[in-house]
Amino acid sequence: MPDRIFIDTNIFIYAHLEEDNNYKNQSALKLFNSLNARIVVSTQVLNEYYSVMLRNKIEDEIIQKKLNIIADECTIADITIRTIRKAWEIRLKYRHSYWDSLILASALENSCSVLYSEDMQSNQVIEDTLTIINPLTRD
């Protein structure tokens, strides 16, 4: 298991939006229960999480409680101008969306070797150091 891993917003969303017998919910929970690495998330992930949970009609107090747990248990990476410039480079080189490129830039800046995300090409390697893995696929 890598020392530092980055988790995209969608994985937290699936873990926290409980639906009976939902494969993605169960897969996300299984991932979190199996990790023994330092989890890194960016301020972008925290903001996206808040927004998506509000759209799902989750109360602010519950969202804030969950975000405080995430913030206490994970390394929080700030988005800086350096991160933004790296995202521009990644977008041009790998053709990801701008927001995904910002996630990738944050993961790279924080020396993560794995990024767990549903939204990007699984097994793609970015800058020879960061591997994207979709933990929600059915084997």
Protein backbone atom coordinates (compact mmCIF):
# COMPACT_ATOMS: atom_id res chain seq x y z
CA MET A 1 0.00 0.00 0.00
CA PRO A 2 1.39 3.44 -0.86
CA ASP A 3 2.45 5.81 1.89
CA ARG A 4 0.26 8.69 0.67
CA ILE A 5 -2.92 8.38 -1.33
CA PHE A 6 -5.33 11.02 -2.59
CA ILE A 7 -9.08 10.45 -2.53
CA ASP A 8 -11.38 12.33 -4.90
CA THR A 9 -14.69 13.79 -3.80
CA ASN A 10 -16.87 11.13 -5.41
CA ILE A 11 -15.42 8.36 -3.22
CA PHE A 12 -16.33 10.26 -0.04
CA ILE A 13 -19.79 10.98 -1.45
CA TYR A 14 -20.50 7.31 -2.17
CA ALA A 15 -19.21 6.32 1.27
CA HIS A 16 -21.46 8.83 3.04
CA LEU A 17 -24.66 8.62 0.98
CA GLU A 18 -26.09 5.42 2.35
CA GLU A 19 -28.38 3.47 0.09
CA ASP A 20 -29.44 -0.10 0.70
CA ASN A 21 -27.49 -2.61 -1.36
CA ASN A 22 -25.75 0.12 -3.34
CA TYR A 23 -22.61 -1.36 -4.89
CA LYS A 24 -20.75 1.97 -5.03
CA ASN A 25 -21.53 2.73 -1.38
CA GLN A 26 -20.31 -0.70 -0.31
CA SER A 27 -17.18 -0.45 -2.48
CA ALA A 28 -16.28 2.98 -1.10
CA LEU A 29 -16.74 1.79 2.48
CA LYS A 30 -14.65 -1.30 1.76
CA LEU A 31 -11.87 0.91 0.38
CA PHE A 32 -11.81 3.13 3.47
CA ASN A 33 -11.78 0.09 5.76
CA SER A 34 -8.82 -1.42 3.90
CA LEU A 35 -6.55 1.63 3.72
CA ASN A 36 -3.39 1.78 5.79
CA ALA A 37 -1.87 4.81 4.10
CA ARG A 38 -1.99 8.52 4.83
CA ILE A 39 -5.01 10.01 3.05
CA VAL A 40 -4.62 13.38 1.38
CA VAL A 41 -7.51 15.57 0.21
CA SER A 42 -7.49 19.12 -1.06
CA THR A 43 -9.61 22.07 -0.07
CA GLN A 44 -11.29 21.55 -3.46
CA VAL A 45 -12.49 18.11 -2.31
CA LEU A 46 -13.92 19.55 0.89
CA ASN A 47 -15.80 22.27 -1.01
CA GLU A 48 -17.12 19.88 -3.66
CA TYR A 49 -18.24 17.49 -0.94
CA TYR A 50 -20.21 20.23 0.82
CA SER A 51 -21.88 21.28 -2.43
CA VAL A 52 -22.85 17.75 -3.50
CA MET A 53 -24.18 16.82 -0.08
CA LEU A 54 -26.33 19.97 -0.01
CA ARG A 55 -27.76 19.01 -3.42
CA ASN A 56 -28.63 15.64 -1.88
CA LYS A 57 -30.61 17.46 0.81
CA ILE A 58 -28.24 16.60 3.66
CA GLU A 59 -28.42 19.10 6.53
CA ASP A 60 -25.55 21.54 7.00
CA GLU A 61 -24.81 20.30 10.52
CA ILE A 62 -24.40 16.72 9.31
CA ILE A 63 -22.19 17.79 6.41
CA GLN A 64 -20.01 19.89 8.69
CA LYS A 65 -19.68 17.01 11.16
CA LYS A 66 -18.54 14.66 8.39
CA LEU A 67 -16.15 17.26 6.97
CA ASN A 68 -14.62 17.83 10.40
CA ILE A 69 -13.96 14.09 10.65
CA ILE A 70 -12.34 14.10 7.19
CA ALA A 71 -10.26 17.15 8.10
CA ASP A 72 -9.12 15.57 11.37
CA GLU A 73 -8.17 12.24 9.79
CA CYS A 74 -6.63 13.40 6.50
CA THR A 75 -3.87 15.68 5.36
CA ILE A 76 -5.52 18.76 3.86
CA ALA A 77 -3.77 20.24 0.83
CA ASP A 78 -4.34 23.90 0.07
CA ILE A 79 -4.86 25.01 -3.52
CA THR A 80 -2.17 27.56 -4.35
CA ILE A 81 -1.18 29.40 -7.51
CA ARG A 82 1.50 26.73 -7.94
CA THR A 83 -1.23 24.06 -7.84
CA ILE A 84 -3.29 25.98 -10.39
CA ARG A 85 -0.34 26.35 -12.76
CA LYS A 86 0.42 22.63 -12.45
CA ALA A 87 -3.25 21.92 -13.25
CA TRP A 88 -2.93 23.97 -16.44
CA GLU A 89 0.04 21.83 -17.50
CA ILE A 90 -1.77 18.59 -16.69
CA ARG A 91 -4.86 19.70 -18.58
CA LEU A 92 -2.84 20.43 -21.72
CA LYS A 93 -0.75 17.27 -21.50
CA TYR A 94 -3.39 14.70 -20.45
CA ARG A 95 -6.63 16.38 -21.63
CA HIS A 96 -8.46 15.99 -18.33
CA SER A 97 -11.10 18.52 -17.32
CA TYR A 98 -9.76 21.55 -15.47
CA TRP A 99 -11.26 20.43 -12.14
CA ASP A 100 -9.85 16.90 -12.49
CA SER A 101 -6.49 18.42 -13.44
CA LEU A 102 -6.58 20.45 -10.23
CA ILE A 103 -7.18 17.25 -8.24
CA LEU A 104 -4.27 15.59 -10.06
CA ALA A 105 -2.00 18.57 -9.42
CA SER A 106 -2.84 18.48 -5.71
CA ALA A 107 -2.09 14.77 -5.53
CA LEU A 108 1.24 15.23 -7.28
CA GLU A 109 2.23 18.20 -5.11
CA ASN A 110 1.59 16.10 -2.03
CA SER A 111 3.69 13.15 -3.21
CA CYS A 112 0.78 10.77 -3.58
CA SER A 113 1.38 7.65 -5.63
CA VAL A 114 -2.30 6.69 -5.98
CA LEU A 115 -5.42 8.73 -6.67
CA TYR A 116 -8.74 6.99 -6.02
CA SER A 117 -11.43 8.45 -8.28
CA GLU A 118 -14.43 7.25 -10.20
CA ASP A 119 -14.30 10.04 -12.77
CA MET A 120 -10.94 9.49 -14.46
CA GLN A 121 -9.33 6.77 -16.55
CA SER A 122 -8.44 3.92 -14.21
CA ASN A 123 -4.80 2.76 -14.33
CA GLN A 124 -3.65 5.90 -16.12
CA VAL A 125 -0.27 7.07 -14.81
CA ILE A 126 0.32 10.82 -14.51
CA GLU A 127 3.86 12.23 -14.61
CA ASP A 128 5.28 8.71 -14.11
CA THR A 129 4.40 8.83 -10.40
CA LEU A 130 0.64 8.99 -9.81
CA THR A 131 -1.66 6.10 -10.73
CA ILE A 132 -5.40 6.69 -11.00
CA ILE A 133 -7.50 3.81 -9.64
CA ASN A 134 -11.27 3.49 -9.78
CA PRO A 135 -12.20 1.48 -6.68
CA LEU A 136 -15.87 1.38 -7.68
CA THR A 137 -15.59 -0.89 -10.72
CA ARG A 138 -17.00 -4.38 -10.63
CA ASP A 139 -14.30 -6.99 -11.03
